[in-house]
């Protein structure tokens, strides 16, 4: 079909564009459905709530894993479990490991969710993705985490977390050398 005006691309309503060769209307419907799901996923991943939940869950998993790994180095007092049989000792050790994993996971999850949520809000407010966002988020998150220890701790925690956030972000944003 020739365009009524030369050198001007034809305009079609959404969903009524001509199909590529070999495609059917069923393929169009499947593509539109997949695009709808893709748009929902993208909106979800751009949401501060989703980023906070994902960071919290990831922090919880990493904290639990670190605790599980460090449990293998834990000191066991043989006098404390002297009267227990092997099954009772194993049960007690696993319960202790579970409590440690839960506690460590909660701590890592809280820090991850707090930082990710604050950074997302700052990034959304500033409408930029640069080094200021993680440093500011680190300062605020560090201050919030140290709030019960007094004003000096809030300032120190904020500065320390901001420096840590800057170091991690600089490492992640570095240019990698191209290999020939």
N, C-alpha and C. Protein backbone atom coordinates (compact mmCIF):
# COMPACT_ATOMS: atom_id res chain seq x y z
N UNK A 1 0.85 -1.18 0.00
CA UNK A 1 0.00 0.00 0.00
C UNK A 1 0.89 1.23 0.00
N UNK A 2 0.68 2.09 -0.91
CA UNK A 2 1.48 3.30 -1.04
C UNK A 2 0.96 4.36 -0.07
N UNK A 3 1.89 5.12 0.47
CA UNK A 3 1.52 6.19 1.39
C UNK A 3 0.90 7.34 0.60
N UNK A 4 -0.17 7.97 1.14
CA UNK A 4 -0.78 9.08 0.41
C UNK A 4 0.19 10.26 0.22
N UNK A 5 1.10 10.45 1.15
CA UNK A 5 2.09 11.51 0.99
C UNK A 5 3.46 10.87 0.90
N UNK A 6 4.22 11.20 -0.13
CA UNK A 6 5.53 10.56 -0.30
C UNK A 6 6.49 10.93 0.84
N UNK A 7 7.39 10.00 1.15
CA UNK A 7 8.44 10.16 2.15
C UNK A 7 7.91 10.35 3.57
N UNK A 8 6.68 9.95 3.83
CA UNK A 8 6.10 10.02 5.17
C UNK A 8 5.69 8.60 5.56
N UNK A 9 6.14 8.18 6.69
CA UNK A 9 5.82 6.83 7.14
C UNK A 9 4.34 6.73 7.49
N UNK A 10 3.69 5.61 7.13
CA UNK A 10 2.28 5.47 7.47
C UNK A 10 2.10 5.30 8.98
N UNK A 11 0.97 5.75 9.49
CA UNK A 11 0.67 5.66 10.91
C UNK A 11 -0.47 4.66 11.07
N UNK A 12 -0.28 3.68 11.95
CA UNK A 12 -1.29 2.66 12.19
C UNK A 12 -1.73 2.75 13.64
N UNK A 13 -2.99 2.44 13.93
CA UNK A 13 -3.42 2.40 15.33
C UNK A 13 -2.70 1.28 16.08
N UNK A 14 -2.54 1.44 17.40
CA UNK A 14 -1.83 0.44 18.21
C UNK A 14 -2.54 -0.91 18.10
N UNK A 15 -1.75 -1.94 17.85
CA UNK A 15 -2.29 -3.29 17.74
C UNK A 15 -2.81 -3.63 16.36
N UNK A 16 -2.77 -2.69 15.42
CA UNK A 16 -3.27 -2.94 14.06
C UNK A 16 -2.16 -2.76 13.02
N UNK A 17 -0.91 -2.74 13.47
CA UNK A 17 0.21 -2.59 12.55
C UNK A 17 0.27 -3.82 11.65
N UNK A 18 0.86 -3.68 10.45
CA UNK A 18 1.01 -4.86 9.59
C UNK A 18 1.93 -5.89 10.26
N UNK A 19 1.61 -7.15 10.10
CA UNK A 19 2.39 -8.22 10.72
C UNK A 19 3.62 -8.55 9.87
N UNK A 20 4.69 -8.98 10.53
CA UNK A 20 5.87 -9.44 9.76
C UNK A 20 5.49 -10.67 8.94
N UNK A 21 6.22 -10.95 7.90
CA UNK A 21 5.90 -12.12 7.07
C UNK A 21 5.92 -13.40 7.90
N UNK A 22 4.90 -14.21 7.72
CA UNK A 22 4.83 -15.49 8.42
C UNK A 22 4.11 -15.43 9.76
N UNK A 23 3.71 -14.27 10.18
CA UNK A 23 3.01 -14.15 11.47
C UNK A 23 1.51 -14.23 11.25
N UNK A 24 0.80 -14.75 12.26
CA UNK A 24 -0.66 -14.82 12.21
C UNK A 24 -1.23 -13.87 13.26
N UNK A 25 -2.54 -13.72 13.24
CA UNK A 25 -3.19 -12.87 14.25
C UNK A 25 -3.01 -13.46 15.65
N UNK A 26 -2.90 -14.79 15.73
CA UNK A 26 -2.65 -15.43 17.03
C UNK A 26 -1.27 -15.04 17.56
N UNK A 27 -0.29 -14.95 16.66
CA UNK A 27 1.05 -14.51 17.07
C UNK A 27 1.00 -13.08 17.59
N UNK A 28 0.19 -12.23 16.94
CA UNK A 28 0.04 -10.84 17.39
C UNK A 28 -0.54 -10.81 18.81
N UNK A 29 -1.57 -11.62 19.04
CA UNK A 29 -2.20 -11.65 20.37
C UNK A 29 -1.20 -12.13 21.43
N UNK A 30 -0.41 -13.15 21.09
CA UNK A 30 0.60 -13.65 22.04
C UNK A 30 1.66 -12.59 22.32
N UNK A 31 2.08 -11.87 21.27
CA UNK A 31 3.08 -10.82 21.45
C UNK A 31 2.53 -9.70 22.32
N UNK A 32 1.28 -9.31 22.10
CA UNK A 32 0.67 -8.24 22.89
C UNK A 32 0.55 -8.67 24.36
N UNK A 33 0.20 -9.93 24.60
CA UNK A 33 0.10 -10.44 25.97
C UNK A 33 1.48 -10.43 26.63
N UNK A 34 2.50 -10.88 25.91
CA UNK A 34 3.86 -10.88 26.46
C UNK A 34 4.32 -9.46 26.75
N UNK A 35 3.99 -8.52 25.87
CA UNK A 35 4.38 -7.12 26.09
C UNK A 35 3.68 -6.56 27.32
N UNK A 36 2.43 -6.93 27.54
CA UNK A 36 1.71 -6.45 28.72
C UNK A 36 2.39 -6.95 30.00
N UNK A 37 2.77 -8.22 30.03
CA UNK A 37 3.47 -8.77 31.20
C UNK A 37 4.83 -8.11 31.39
N UNK A 38 5.51 -7.86 30.26
CA UNK A 38 6.81 -7.20 30.33
C UNK A 38 6.67 -5.79 30.90
N UNK A 39 5.63 -5.07 30.49
CA UNK A 39 5.40 -3.72 31.02
C UNK A 39 5.11 -3.76 32.52
N UNK A 40 4.32 -4.74 32.96
CA UNK A 40 4.03 -4.88 34.40
C UNK A 40 5.31 -5.16 35.19
N UNK A 41 6.15 -6.05 34.66
CA UNK A 41 7.41 -6.38 35.33
C UNK A 41 8.31 -5.13 35.41
N UNK A 42 8.36 -4.38 34.33
CA UNK A 42 9.20 -3.18 34.33
C UNK A 42 8.69 -2.16 35.34
N UNK A 43 7.36 -1.97 35.38
CA UNK A 43 6.80 -1.03 36.37
C UNK A 43 7.10 -1.51 37.79
N UNK A 44 7.01 -2.81 38.01
CA UNK A 44 7.31 -3.35 39.33
C UNK A 44 8.76 -3.15 39.72
N UNK A 45 9.68 -3.37 38.78
CA UNK A 45 11.09 -3.23 39.09
C UNK A 45 11.51 -1.78 39.25
N UNK A 46 10.74 -0.85 38.71
CA UNK A 46 11.03 0.57 38.89
C UNK A 46 10.39 1.11 40.17
N UNK A 47 9.60 0.30 40.83
CA UNK A 47 8.90 0.71 42.05
C UNK A 47 9.84 0.66 43.24
N UNK A 48 9.81 1.70 44.07
CA UNK A 48 10.65 1.73 45.27
C UNK A 48 10.25 0.62 46.24
N UNK A 49 8.98 0.32 46.29
CA UNK A 49 8.51 -0.75 47.18
C UNK A 49 9.11 -2.08 46.75
N UNK A 50 9.07 -2.38 45.44
CA UNK A 50 9.63 -3.64 44.95
C UNK A 50 11.13 -3.70 45.19
N UNK A 51 11.84 -2.60 44.93
CA UNK A 51 13.29 -2.59 45.17
C UNK A 51 13.61 -2.82 46.64
N UNK A 52 12.81 -2.22 47.53
CA UNK A 52 13.03 -2.38 48.96
C UNK A 52 12.79 -3.82 49.39
N UNK A 53 11.71 -4.41 48.90
CA UNK A 53 11.39 -5.80 49.27
C UNK A 53 12.46 -6.76 48.73
N UNK A 54 12.88 -6.56 47.50
CA UNK A 54 13.90 -7.43 46.91
C UNK A 54 15.22 -7.30 47.67
N UNK A 55 15.61 -6.08 48.01
CA UNK A 55 16.85 -5.89 48.76
C UNK A 55 16.74 -6.49 50.16
N UNK A 56 15.59 -6.36 50.79
CA UNK A 56 15.39 -6.94 52.12
C UNK A 56 15.46 -8.46 52.07
N UNK A 57 14.80 -9.06 51.08
CA UNK A 57 14.82 -10.52 50.94
C UNK A 57 16.23 -11.01 50.61
N UNK A 58 16.91 -10.31 49.72
CA UNK A 58 18.28 -10.69 49.38
C UNK A 58 19.22 -10.56 50.58
N UNK A 59 19.06 -9.47 51.34
CA UNK A 59 19.86 -9.29 52.55
C UNK A 59 19.59 -10.38 53.57
N UNK A 60 18.32 -10.74 53.71
CA UNK A 60 17.96 -11.82 54.64
C UNK A 60 18.63 -13.13 54.23
N UNK A 61 18.58 -13.45 52.93
CA UNK A 61 19.20 -14.68 52.44
C UNK A 61 20.71 -14.67 52.64
N UNK A 62 21.36 -13.55 52.32
CA UNK A 62 22.81 -13.47 52.47
C UNK A 62 23.21 -13.54 53.94
N UNK A 63 22.47 -12.84 54.79
CA UNK A 63 22.76 -12.88 56.22
C UNK A 63 22.61 -14.28 56.79
N UNK A 64 21.56 -14.99 56.37
CA UNK A 64 21.37 -16.37 56.82
C UNK A 64 22.49 -17.27 56.33
N UNK A 65 22.91 -17.06 55.08
CA UNK A 65 23.99 -17.87 54.51
C UNK A 65 25.31 -17.62 55.24
N UNK A 66 25.63 -16.34 55.50
CA UNK A 66 26.86 -16.03 56.23
C UNK A 66 26.84 -16.65 57.63
N UNK A 67 25.69 -16.59 58.27
CA UNK A 67 25.57 -17.18 59.60
C UNK A 67 25.75 -18.69 59.54
N UNK A 68 25.18 -19.30 58.52
CA UNK A 68 25.33 -20.75 58.37
C UNK A 68 26.79 -21.12 58.15
N UNK A 69 27.50 -20.35 57.34
CA UNK A 69 28.91 -20.63 57.11
C UNK A 69 29.75 -20.40 58.36
N UNK A 70 29.43 -19.36 59.10
CA UNK A 70 30.21 -19.09 60.31
C UNK A 70 29.85 -20.04 61.44
N UNK A 71 28.71 -20.70 61.36
CA UNK A 71 28.33 -21.65 62.40
C UNK A 71 29.29 -22.84 62.44
N UNK A 72 29.92 -23.14 61.33
CA UNK A 72 30.87 -24.26 61.31
C UNK A 72 32.12 -23.95 62.13
N UNK A 73 32.36 -22.65 62.40
CA UNK A 73 33.51 -22.27 63.21
C UNK A 73 33.13 -21.99 64.66
N UNK A 74 31.86 -22.15 64.98
CA UNK A 74 31.37 -21.80 66.32
C UNK A 74 31.98 -22.72 67.37
N UNK A 75 32.23 -22.14 68.51
CA UNK A 75 32.79 -22.89 69.61
C UNK A 75 31.66 -23.59 70.35
N UNK A 76 31.81 -24.88 70.58
CA UNK A 76 30.80 -25.63 71.32
C UNK A 76 31.37 -26.01 72.67
N UNK A 77 30.64 -25.67 73.72
CA UNK A 77 31.06 -25.99 75.07
C UNK A 77 30.68 -27.43 75.39
N UNK A 78 31.66 -28.35 75.51
CA UNK A 78 31.33 -29.76 75.75
C UNK A 78 30.69 -29.99 77.12
N UNK A 79 30.98 -29.13 78.10
CA UNK A 79 30.40 -29.34 79.42
C UNK A 79 28.91 -29.02 79.44
N UNK A 80 28.48 -28.11 78.60
CA UNK A 80 27.08 -27.71 78.58
C UNK A 80 26.17 -28.84 78.09
N UNK A 81 26.66 -29.64 77.19
CA UNK A 81 25.83 -30.69 76.60
C UNK A 81 26.27 -32.08 77.04
N UNK A 82 26.84 -32.18 78.21
CA UNK A 82 27.37 -33.45 78.67
C UNK A 82 26.29 -34.51 78.87
N UNK A 83 25.14 -34.11 79.38
CA UNK A 83 24.12 -35.10 79.72
C UNK A 83 23.21 -35.42 78.53
N UNK A 84 23.40 -34.78 77.42
CA UNK A 84 22.54 -35.02 76.27
C UNK A 84 23.09 -36.15 75.40
N UNK A 85 22.18 -36.93 74.80
CA UNK A 85 22.66 -37.96 73.87
C UNK A 85 22.93 -37.30 72.52
N UNK A 86 23.40 -38.06 71.56
CA UNK A 86 23.84 -37.51 70.27
C UNK A 86 22.69 -36.82 69.53
N UNK A 87 21.51 -37.44 69.54
CA UNK A 87 20.36 -36.84 68.84
C UNK A 87 19.97 -35.52 69.48
N UNK A 88 19.97 -35.47 70.79
CA UNK A 88 19.61 -34.23 71.50
C UNK A 88 20.65 -33.13 71.25
N UNK A 89 21.92 -33.53 71.22
CA UNK A 89 22.98 -32.55 70.94
C UNK A 89 22.82 -32.00 69.52
N UNK A 90 22.57 -32.89 68.56
CA UNK A 90 22.40 -32.44 67.18
C UNK A 90 21.19 -31.51 67.07
N UNK A 91 20.12 -31.87 67.74
CA UNK A 91 18.92 -31.03 67.72
C UNK A 91 19.21 -29.65 68.30
N UNK A 92 19.92 -29.63 69.41
CA UNK A 92 20.26 -28.35 70.05
C UNK A 92 21.16 -27.51 69.15
N UNK A 93 22.12 -28.14 68.49
CA UNK A 93 23.04 -27.42 67.61
C UNK A 93 22.27 -26.83 66.42
N UNK A 94 21.36 -27.61 65.83
CA UNK A 94 20.58 -27.11 64.70
C UNK A 94 19.65 -25.98 65.10
N UNK A 95 19.07 -26.06 66.28
CA UNK A 95 18.22 -24.98 66.77
C UNK A 95 19.04 -23.70 66.95
N UNK A 96 20.23 -23.87 67.51
CA UNK A 96 21.12 -22.73 67.70
C UNK A 96 21.52 -22.11 66.36
N UNK A 97 21.83 -22.97 65.38
CA UNK A 97 22.17 -22.48 64.05
C UNK A 97 20.98 -21.73 63.43
N UNK A 98 19.79 -22.26 63.59
CA UNK A 98 18.59 -21.61 63.06
C UNK A 98 18.36 -20.25 63.69
N UNK A 99 18.54 -20.16 65.01
CA UNK A 99 18.38 -18.87 65.69
C UNK A 99 19.42 -17.87 65.19
N UNK A 100 20.65 -18.33 65.01
CA UNK A 100 21.70 -17.45 64.51
C UNK A 100 21.43 -16.99 63.09
N UNK A 101 20.95 -17.91 62.25
CA UNK A 101 20.64 -17.55 60.86
C UNK A 101 19.49 -16.55 60.82
N UNK A 102 18.48 -16.75 61.66
CA UNK A 102 17.34 -15.84 61.70
C UNK A 102 17.78 -14.44 62.14
N UNK A 103 18.60 -14.39 63.19
CA UNK A 103 19.04 -13.10 63.72
C UNK A 103 19.93 -12.37 62.70
N UNK A 104 20.88 -13.08 62.12
CA UNK A 104 21.78 -12.47 61.15
C UNK A 104 21.02 -12.07 59.88
N UNK A 105 20.12 -12.93 59.43
CA UNK A 105 19.31 -12.63 58.25
C UNK A 105 18.45 -11.39 58.45
N UNK A 106 17.85 -11.27 59.63
CA UNK A 106 17.03 -10.09 59.92
C UNK A 106 17.87 -8.82 59.87
N UNK A 107 19.07 -8.88 60.44
CA UNK A 107 19.95 -7.71 60.45
C UNK A 107 20.35 -7.29 59.05
N UNK A 108 20.82 -8.25 58.25
CA UNK A 108 21.22 -7.95 56.88
C UNK A 108 20.02 -7.47 56.06
N UNK A 109 18.87 -8.12 56.25
CA UNK A 109 17.67 -7.73 55.51
C UNK A 109 17.24 -6.31 55.84
N UNK A 110 17.32 -5.97 57.14
CA UNK A 110 16.93 -4.62 57.56
C UNK A 110 17.85 -3.57 56.93
N UNK A 111 19.13 -3.82 56.96
CA UNK A 111 20.09 -2.87 56.38
C UNK A 111 19.88 -2.76 54.87
N UNK A 112 19.73 -3.90 54.19
CA UNK A 112 19.53 -3.88 52.74
C UNK A 112 18.26 -3.16 52.34
N UNK A 113 17.17 -3.45 53.02
CA UNK A 113 15.89 -2.81 52.69
C UNK A 113 15.95 -1.31 52.99
N UNK A 114 16.53 -0.95 54.11
CA UNK A 114 16.63 0.46 54.49
C UNK A 114 17.44 1.24 53.45
N UNK A 115 18.61 0.73 53.12
CA UNK A 115 19.46 1.42 52.15
C UNK A 115 18.80 1.50 50.78
N UNK A 116 18.27 0.38 50.28
CA UNK A 116 17.67 0.37 48.95
C UNK A 116 16.46 1.29 48.87
N UNK A 117 15.64 1.28 49.91
CA UNK A 117 14.46 2.14 49.92
C UNK A 117 14.83 3.62 49.92
N UNK A 118 15.79 3.98 50.76
CA UNK A 118 16.22 5.38 50.82
C UNK A 118 16.87 5.81 49.51
N UNK A 119 17.72 4.95 48.95
CA UNK A 119 18.38 5.29 47.69
C UNK A 119 17.36 5.46 46.57
N UNK A 120 16.36 4.59 46.52
CA UNK A 120 15.35 4.68 45.48
C UNK A 120 14.54 5.97 45.60
N UNK A 121 14.20 6.35 46.82
CA UNK A 121 13.44 7.58 47.02
C UNK A 121 14.29 8.79 46.61
N UNK A 122 15.56 8.79 47.00
CA UNK A 122 16.45 9.90 46.62
C UNK A 122 16.60 9.96 45.10
N UNK A 123 16.81 8.80 44.47
CA UNK A 123 16.97 8.77 43.02
C UNK A 123 15.69 9.23 42.31
N UNK A 124 14.55 8.82 42.83
CA UNK A 124 13.28 9.25 42.23
C UNK A 124 13.09 10.75 42.39
N UNK A 125 13.44 11.29 43.54
CA UNK A 125 13.29 12.72 43.79
C UNK A 125 14.22 13.53 42.91
N UNK A 126 15.49 13.09 42.80
CA UNK A 126 16.48 13.84 42.03
C UNK A 126 16.37 13.58 40.53
N UNK A 127 15.76 12.48 40.13
CA UNK A 127 15.63 12.08 38.73
C UNK A 127 17.00 11.95 38.05
N UNK A 128 17.98 11.45 38.81
CA UNK A 128 19.33 11.22 38.29
C UNK A 128 19.86 9.93 38.89
N UNK A 129 20.75 9.28 38.15
CA UNK A 129 21.43 8.10 38.67
C UNK A 129 22.92 8.39 38.65
N UNK A 130 23.43 8.94 39.77
CA UNK A 130 24.85 9.27 39.86
C UNK A 130 25.36 8.89 41.25
N UNK A 131 26.57 9.29 41.56
CA UNK A 131 27.21 8.90 42.82
C UNK A 131 26.60 9.58 44.04
N UNK A 132 25.86 10.65 43.85
CA UNK A 132 25.27 11.35 45.00
C UNK A 132 24.23 10.47 45.68
N UNK A 133 23.46 9.71 44.90
CA UNK A 133 22.38 8.91 45.47
C UNK A 133 22.87 7.88 46.49
N UNK A 134 23.84 7.01 46.15
CA UNK A 134 24.26 6.02 47.14
C UNK A 134 24.97 6.64 48.35
N UNK A 135 25.70 7.74 48.12
CA UNK A 135 26.39 8.38 49.25
C UNK A 135 25.37 9.00 50.20
N UNK A 136 24.39 9.71 49.65
CA UNK A 136 23.35 10.31 50.49
C UNK A 136 22.52 9.23 51.19
N UNK A 137 22.17 8.18 50.45
CA UNK A 137 21.40 7.09 51.05
C UNK A 137 22.22 6.40 52.14
N UNK A 138 23.51 6.22 51.91
CA UNK A 138 24.37 5.61 52.93
C UNK A 138 24.46 6.47 54.17
N UNK A 139 24.55 7.78 53.99
CA UNK A 139 24.61 8.68 55.14
C UNK A 139 23.32 8.60 55.96
N UNK A 140 22.19 8.66 55.28
CA UNK A 140 20.90 8.60 55.99
C UNK A 140 20.71 7.23 56.64
N UNK A 141 20.99 6.15 55.91
CA UNK A 141 20.81 4.81 56.46
C UNK A 141 21.74 4.58 57.65
N UNK A 142 22.99 5.00 57.54
CA UNK A 142 23.93 4.85 58.65
C UNK A 142 23.47 5.63 59.87
N UNK A 143 22.95 6.82 59.65
CA UNK A 143 22.42 7.61 60.76
C UNK A 143 21.21 6.96 61.40
N UNK A 144 20.33 6.43 60.59
CA UNK A 144 19.13 5.75 61.14
C UNK A 144 19.54 4.52 61.94
N UNK A 145 20.49 3.75 61.42
CA UNK A 145 20.92 2.54 62.13
C UNK A 145 21.60 2.86 63.46
N UNK A 146 22.25 4.03 63.58
CA UNK A 146 22.97 4.39 64.80
C UNK A 146 22.17 5.34 65.69
N UNK A 147 20.90 5.54 65.41
CA UNK A 147 20.10 6.56 66.10
C UNK A 147 19.98 6.35 67.61
N UNK A 148 20.06 5.14 68.08
CA UNK A 148 19.89 4.89 69.52
C UNK A 148 21.16 5.14 70.33
N UNK A 149 22.28 5.38 69.67
CA UNK A 149 23.55 5.53 70.36
C UNK A 149 23.95 7.00 70.55
N UNK A 150 23.13 7.94 70.15
CA UNK A 150 23.42 9.34 70.37
C UNK A 150 23.81 10.07 69.10
N UNK A 151 23.89 11.40 69.19
CA UNK A 151 24.15 12.22 68.00
C UNK A 151 25.52 11.99 67.36
N UNK A 152 26.56 11.77 68.19
CA UNK A 152 27.89 11.51 67.62
C UNK A 152 27.89 10.21 66.82
N UNK A 153 27.21 9.21 67.35
CA UNK A 153 27.13 7.92 66.65
C UNK A 153 26.33 8.05 65.36
N UNK A 154 25.29 8.89 65.38
CA UNK A 154 24.49 9.10 64.17
C UNK A 154 25.37 9.71 63.09
N UNK A 155 26.14 10.74 63.44
CA UNK A 155 27.03 11.37 62.47
C UNK A 155 28.12 10.40 62.02
N UNK A 156 28.73 9.71 62.95
CA UNK A 156 29.79 8.75 62.61
C UNK A 156 29.26 7.60 61.77
N UNK A 157 28.11 7.06 62.15
CA UNK A 157 27.51 5.98 61.38
C UNK A 157 27.14 6.42 59.98
N UNK A 158 26.62 7.65 59.88
CA UNK A 158 26.26 8.18 58.57
C UNK A 158 27.48 8.34 57.68
N UNK A 159 28.55 8.88 58.24
CA UNK A 159 29.77 9.09 57.45
C UNK A 159 30.39 7.75 57.05
N UNK A 160 30.42 6.81 57.99
CA UNK A 160 31.02 5.50 57.69
C UNK A 160 30.21 4.76 56.62
N UNK A 161 28.90 4.75 56.76
CA UNK A 161 28.06 4.05 55.77
C UNK A 161 28.12 4.77 54.42
N UNK A 162 28.19 6.10 54.42
CA UNK A 162 28.30 6.84 53.17
C UNK A 162 29.62 6.50 52.47
N UNK A 163 30.70 6.42 53.23
CA UNK A 163 32.00 6.07 52.64
C UNK A 163 31.97 4.65 52.07
N UNK A 164 31.38 3.74 52.83
CA UNK A 164 31.27 2.35 52.38
C UNK A 164 30.43 2.28 51.11
N UNK A 165 29.31 2.99 51.08
CA UNK A 165 28.44 3.00 49.90
C UNK A 165 29.17 3.59 48.70
N UNK A 166 29.93 4.64 48.92
CA UNK A 166 30.68 5.26 47.82
C UNK A 166 31.73 4.28 47.29
N UNK A 167 32.42 3.59 48.18
CA UNK A 167 33.45 2.64 47.74
C UNK A 167 32.83 1.51 46.93
N UNK A 168 31.72 0.97 47.40
CA UNK A 168 31.06 -0.12 46.67
C UNK A 168 30.56 0.38 45.32
N UNK A 169 29.95 1.55 45.29
CA UNK A 169 29.42 2.07 44.03
C UNK A 169 30.53 2.41 43.05
N UNK A 170 31.64 2.95 43.53
CA UNK A 170 32.78 3.22 42.65
C UNK A 170 33.31 1.93 42.05
N UNK A 171 33.37 0.88 42.87
CA UNK A 171 33.83 -0.42 42.38
C UNK A 171 32.88 -0.96 41.32
N UNK A 172 31.57 -0.83 41.55
CA UNK A 172 30.60 -1.36 40.60
C UNK A 172 30.50 -0.54 39.32
N UNK A 173 30.82 0.75 39.39
CA UNK A 173 30.72 1.62 38.21
C UNK A 173 32.03 1.73 37.43
N UNK A 174 33.07 1.07 37.87
CA UNK A 174 34.37 1.24 37.23
C UNK A 174 34.34 0.74 35.80
N UNK A 175 35.21 1.30 35.00
CA UNK A 175 35.35 0.88 33.61
C UNK A 175 36.24 -0.35 33.58
N UNK A 176 35.77 -1.39 32.94
CA UNK A 176 36.60 -2.59 32.82
C UNK A 176 37.42 -2.48 31.54
N UNK A 177 38.69 -2.87 31.60
CA UNK A 177 39.53 -2.80 30.40
C UNK A 177 39.03 -3.78 29.34
N UNK A 178 39.01 -3.33 28.11
CA UNK A 178 38.58 -4.20 27.03
C UNK A 178 39.73 -5.13 26.65
N UNK A 179 39.38 -6.40 26.48
CA UNK A 179 40.40 -7.38 26.07
C UNK A 179 40.35 -7.54 24.56
N UNK A 180 41.52 -7.57 23.96
CA UNK A 180 41.58 -7.73 22.50
C UNK A 180 41.81 -9.16 22.13
